[in-house]
N, C-alpha and C. Protein backbone atom coordinates (compact mmCIF):
# COMPACT_ATOMS: atom_id res chain seq x y z
N MET A 1 67.27 164.27 119.52
CA MET A 1 66.97 164.86 118.24
C MET A 1 67.37 163.85 117.16
N ILE A 2 66.52 163.66 116.20
CA ILE A 2 66.79 162.73 115.12
C ILE A 2 67.05 163.54 113.85
N LYS A 3 68.17 163.24 113.20
CA LYS A 3 68.56 163.92 111.96
C LYS A 3 68.83 162.86 110.90
N THR A 4 68.72 163.24 109.66
CA THR A 4 69.01 162.35 108.54
C THR A 4 70.32 162.78 107.90
N LEU A 5 71.18 161.80 107.64
CA LEU A 5 72.44 162.10 106.96
C LEU A 5 72.16 162.42 105.50
N GLN A 6 72.83 163.44 105.00
CA GLN A 6 72.70 163.84 103.60
C GLN A 6 73.78 163.14 102.80
N PRO A 7 73.39 162.38 101.75
CA PRO A 7 74.41 161.68 100.96
C PRO A 7 75.21 162.65 100.10
N SER A 8 76.50 162.45 100.10
CA SER A 8 77.42 163.21 99.26
C SER A 8 78.75 162.47 99.32
N LYS A 9 79.80 163.08 98.79
CA LYS A 9 81.12 162.44 98.89
C LYS A 9 81.46 162.20 100.36
N ASP A 10 81.20 163.21 101.19
CA ASP A 10 81.33 163.08 102.64
C ASP A 10 79.93 163.17 103.22
N MET A 11 79.66 162.41 104.25
CA MET A 11 78.35 162.48 104.90
C MET A 11 78.30 163.72 105.79
N PHE A 12 77.16 164.38 105.83
CA PHE A 12 77.03 165.53 106.70
C PHE A 12 75.60 165.66 107.18
N MET A 13 75.43 166.37 108.28
CA MET A 13 74.13 166.70 108.82
C MET A 13 73.98 168.20 108.83
N GLN A 14 72.79 168.64 108.50
CA GLN A 14 72.53 170.06 108.48
C GLN A 14 71.65 170.41 109.68
N PHE A 15 72.03 171.49 110.39
CA PHE A 15 71.29 171.95 111.54
C PHE A 15 70.72 173.33 111.26
N THR A 16 69.54 173.60 111.81
CA THR A 16 68.99 174.95 111.72
C THR A 16 69.69 175.83 112.74
N GLU A 17 69.54 177.13 112.59
CA GLU A 17 70.12 178.07 113.56
C GLU A 17 69.59 177.79 114.96
N ASP A 18 68.30 177.49 115.07
CA ASP A 18 67.70 177.20 116.39
C ASP A 18 68.31 175.94 117.00
N GLU A 19 68.53 174.91 116.16
CA GLU A 19 69.15 173.67 116.66
C GLU A 19 70.58 173.92 117.12
N LEU A 20 71.32 174.72 116.37
CA LEU A 20 72.69 175.05 116.76
C LEU A 20 72.72 175.74 118.11
N LEU A 21 71.81 176.67 118.32
CA LEU A 21 71.73 177.37 119.61
C LEU A 21 71.32 176.42 120.72
N GLU A 22 70.29 175.60 120.45
CA GLU A 22 69.79 174.66 121.46
C GLU A 22 70.86 173.66 121.89
N LEU A 23 71.63 173.17 120.92
CA LEU A 23 72.65 172.16 121.19
C LEU A 23 74.02 172.75 121.53
N ASN A 24 74.12 174.08 121.49
CA ASN A 24 75.38 174.77 121.76
C ASN A 24 76.49 174.28 120.83
N ILE A 25 76.16 174.19 119.53
CA ILE A 25 77.12 173.77 118.52
C ILE A 25 77.62 175.01 117.78
N GLN A 26 78.94 175.05 117.60
CA GLN A 26 79.54 176.16 116.87
C GLN A 26 80.45 175.61 115.78
N GLN A 27 80.71 176.43 114.78
CA GLN A 27 81.60 176.02 113.70
C GLN A 27 82.95 175.61 114.29
N GLY A 28 83.47 174.48 113.81
CA GLY A 28 84.76 173.99 114.29
C GLY A 28 84.65 172.99 115.43
N ASP A 29 83.45 172.82 116.01
CA ASP A 29 83.30 171.83 117.07
C ASP A 29 83.59 170.44 116.52
N LYS A 30 84.14 169.58 117.36
CA LYS A 30 84.46 168.22 116.96
C LYS A 30 83.59 167.26 117.77
N PHE A 31 83.31 166.11 117.16
CA PHE A 31 82.41 165.14 117.77
C PHE A 31 83.00 163.74 117.72
N ILE A 32 82.62 162.94 118.69
CA ILE A 32 82.91 161.51 118.69
C ILE A 32 81.66 160.84 118.16
N ILE A 33 81.81 159.92 117.21
CA ILE A 33 80.66 159.22 116.65
C ILE A 33 80.56 157.86 117.31
N LYS A 34 79.41 157.58 117.90
CA LYS A 34 79.17 156.28 118.53
C LYS A 34 78.02 155.60 117.80
N HIS A 35 78.27 154.38 117.34
CA HIS A 35 77.24 153.61 116.63
C HIS A 35 76.31 152.97 117.64
N GLN A 36 75.01 153.09 117.39
CA GLN A 36 73.99 152.49 118.24
C GLN A 36 73.04 151.68 117.37
N GLU A 37 72.19 150.87 118.00
CA GLU A 37 71.26 150.04 117.24
C GLU A 37 70.35 150.87 116.36
N ASP A 38 69.93 152.03 116.83
CA ASP A 38 68.95 152.84 116.09
C ASP A 38 69.59 153.99 115.33
N GLY A 39 70.90 153.98 115.15
CA GLY A 39 71.57 155.04 114.41
C GLY A 39 72.93 155.36 115.01
N ILE A 40 73.28 156.63 114.99
CA ILE A 40 74.55 157.05 115.58
C ILE A 40 74.29 158.14 116.60
N LEU A 41 75.20 158.26 117.54
CA LEU A 41 75.15 159.30 118.55
C LEU A 41 76.39 160.16 118.39
N LEU A 42 76.19 161.47 118.34
CA LEU A 42 77.31 162.40 118.28
C LEU A 42 77.54 162.96 119.67
N GLU A 43 78.74 162.82 120.19
CA GLU A 43 79.11 163.41 121.47
C GLU A 43 80.10 164.51 121.21
N LYS A 44 79.77 165.72 121.65
CA LYS A 44 80.64 166.87 121.44
C LYS A 44 81.90 166.72 122.29
N MET A 45 83.05 166.92 121.64
CA MET A 45 84.32 166.88 122.36
C MET A 45 84.52 168.24 123.02
N VAL A 46 85.06 168.21 124.22
CA VAL A 46 85.32 169.46 124.93
C VAL A 46 86.82 169.62 125.13
N GLY A 47 87.26 170.85 125.12
CA GLY A 47 88.67 171.14 125.32
C GLY A 47 89.01 171.27 126.79
N VAL A 48 90.28 171.20 127.06
CA VAL A 48 90.79 171.37 128.42
C VAL A 48 91.85 172.46 128.36
N ASP A 49 91.71 173.45 129.21
CA ASP A 49 92.70 174.51 129.27
C ASP A 49 93.77 174.16 130.29
N LEU A 50 95.02 174.14 129.85
CA LEU A 50 96.14 173.86 130.73
C LEU A 50 97.06 175.07 130.74
N ASP A 51 97.53 175.42 131.90
CA ASP A 51 98.46 176.53 132.04
C ASP A 51 99.86 175.96 132.23
N LEU A 52 100.69 176.07 131.21
CA LEU A 52 102.04 175.51 131.29
C LEU A 52 102.86 176.12 132.40
N GLU A 53 102.53 177.31 132.83
CA GLU A 53 103.26 177.95 133.93
C GLU A 53 103.11 177.16 135.24
N GLU A 54 102.04 176.36 135.33
CA GLU A 54 101.81 175.55 136.53
C GLU A 54 102.56 174.23 136.51
N PHE A 55 103.14 173.87 135.36
CA PHE A 55 103.88 172.63 135.23
C PHE A 55 105.26 172.80 135.87
N PRO A 56 105.79 171.75 136.49
CA PRO A 56 107.17 171.80 136.98
C PRO A 56 108.15 172.04 135.83
N GLU A 57 109.25 172.69 136.12
CA GLU A 57 110.24 173.04 135.09
C GLU A 57 110.74 171.82 134.32
N ASP A 58 111.00 170.71 135.01
CA ASP A 58 111.52 169.53 134.32
C ASP A 58 110.48 168.96 133.34
N VAL A 59 109.21 169.03 133.70
CA VAL A 59 108.15 168.55 132.80
C VAL A 59 108.05 169.47 131.58
N LYS A 60 108.12 170.78 131.81
CA LYS A 60 108.09 171.72 130.68
C LYS A 60 109.26 171.46 129.73
N ASP A 61 110.44 171.21 130.29
CA ASP A 61 111.61 170.93 129.46
C ASP A 61 111.39 169.69 128.60
N ILE A 62 110.83 168.64 129.19
CA ILE A 62 110.56 167.41 128.45
C ILE A 62 109.56 167.67 127.33
N LEU A 63 108.50 168.42 127.63
CA LEU A 63 107.48 168.73 126.62
C LEU A 63 108.06 169.55 125.47
N ILE A 64 108.88 170.52 125.80
CA ILE A 64 109.49 171.36 124.77
C ILE A 64 110.45 170.54 123.90
N LEU A 65 111.27 169.70 124.53
CA LEU A 65 112.19 168.86 123.76
C LEU A 65 111.45 167.91 122.84
N LYS A 66 110.37 167.31 123.33
CA LYS A 66 109.56 166.40 122.51
C LYS A 66 108.91 167.17 121.37
N SER A 67 108.48 168.38 121.64
CA SER A 67 107.88 169.24 120.62
C SER A 67 108.88 169.52 119.49
N ILE A 68 110.09 169.85 119.88
CA ILE A 68 111.15 170.14 118.90
C ILE A 68 111.51 168.87 118.12
N GLU A 69 111.65 167.76 118.84
CA GLU A 69 112.03 166.48 118.22
C GLU A 69 110.99 166.04 117.19
N ASP A 70 109.70 166.15 117.54
CA ASP A 70 108.63 165.69 116.66
C ASP A 70 108.14 166.78 115.71
N GLN A 71 108.64 167.99 115.89
CA GLN A 71 108.26 169.14 115.08
C GLN A 71 106.74 169.37 115.10
N ILE A 72 106.19 169.34 116.32
CA ILE A 72 104.77 169.60 116.53
C ILE A 72 104.63 170.55 117.72
N PRO A 73 103.50 171.26 117.82
CA PRO A 73 103.30 172.17 118.96
C PRO A 73 103.23 171.40 120.29
N VAL A 74 103.56 172.09 121.37
CA VAL A 74 103.54 171.47 122.70
C VAL A 74 102.15 170.95 123.04
N ASP A 75 101.09 171.69 122.65
CA ASP A 75 99.74 171.21 122.97
C ASP A 75 99.44 169.88 122.28
N GLU A 76 100.02 169.66 121.10
CA GLU A 76 99.85 168.39 120.42
C GLU A 76 100.64 167.28 121.13
N VAL A 77 101.80 167.61 121.66
CA VAL A 77 102.58 166.64 122.45
C VAL A 77 101.76 166.20 123.66
N ILE A 78 101.18 167.17 124.36
CA ILE A 78 100.37 166.86 125.54
C ILE A 78 99.17 166.00 125.15
N SER A 79 98.50 166.36 124.07
CA SER A 79 97.34 165.60 123.59
C SER A 79 97.73 164.16 123.28
N ASN A 80 98.84 163.97 122.59
CA ASN A 80 99.30 162.62 122.25
C ASN A 80 99.63 161.81 123.49
N LEU A 81 100.28 162.44 124.46
CA LEU A 81 100.62 161.75 125.71
C LEU A 81 99.36 161.35 126.47
N LEU A 82 98.38 162.24 126.50
CA LEU A 82 97.12 161.91 127.19
C LEU A 82 96.39 160.76 126.50
N LYS A 83 96.36 160.77 125.18
CA LYS A 83 95.70 159.68 124.44
C LYS A 83 96.36 158.35 124.75
N GLU A 84 97.69 158.32 124.77
CA GLU A 84 98.40 157.07 125.07
C GLU A 84 98.14 156.63 126.51
N ALA A 85 98.14 157.57 127.43
CA ALA A 85 97.91 157.22 128.84
C ALA A 85 96.50 156.68 129.03
N ILE A 86 95.53 157.30 128.38
CA ILE A 86 94.14 156.86 128.51
C ILE A 86 93.95 155.46 127.95
N LYS A 87 94.60 155.15 126.83
CA LYS A 87 94.51 153.81 126.24
C LYS A 87 94.95 152.73 127.22
N ASN A 88 95.88 153.07 128.11
CA ASN A 88 96.44 152.09 129.04
C ASN A 88 95.64 151.96 130.34
N LEU A 89 94.61 152.78 130.54
CA LEU A 89 93.79 152.67 131.73
C LEU A 89 92.82 151.49 131.57
N PRO A 90 92.68 150.67 132.61
CA PRO A 90 91.82 149.47 132.51
C PRO A 90 90.39 149.79 132.05
N GLU A 91 89.81 150.89 132.51
CA GLU A 91 88.43 151.20 132.17
C GLU A 91 88.25 151.60 130.71
N PHE A 92 89.35 151.84 129.99
CA PHE A 92 89.30 152.22 128.58
C PHE A 92 89.82 151.12 127.65
N GLN A 93 90.09 149.94 128.18
CA GLN A 93 90.67 148.87 127.38
C GLN A 93 89.74 148.40 126.26
N ASN A 94 88.43 148.45 126.46
CA ASN A 94 87.49 147.93 125.46
C ASN A 94 86.75 149.04 124.72
N VAL A 95 87.27 150.26 124.77
CA VAL A 95 86.60 151.39 124.11
C VAL A 95 87.09 151.53 122.70
């Protein structure tokens, strides 16, 4: 699908109701923007559900302590740790 960016203070794209349904886009969805020769590609970010009850007790303790130390929610601690770990994987070195 080809869309035109609307100029404003912030750039935005407008979708019709049919396009939103077809693309399964909902308010609050987040996207990764990839620059290509013929424009940009939006890739929808997907969430991951984690059940903290399945984590070992020592890992939960570490996550909670880091959450308190950084004054951020545990899910944000996990997200930050995953981002750092992914950066260090060889297949993501040039991304």
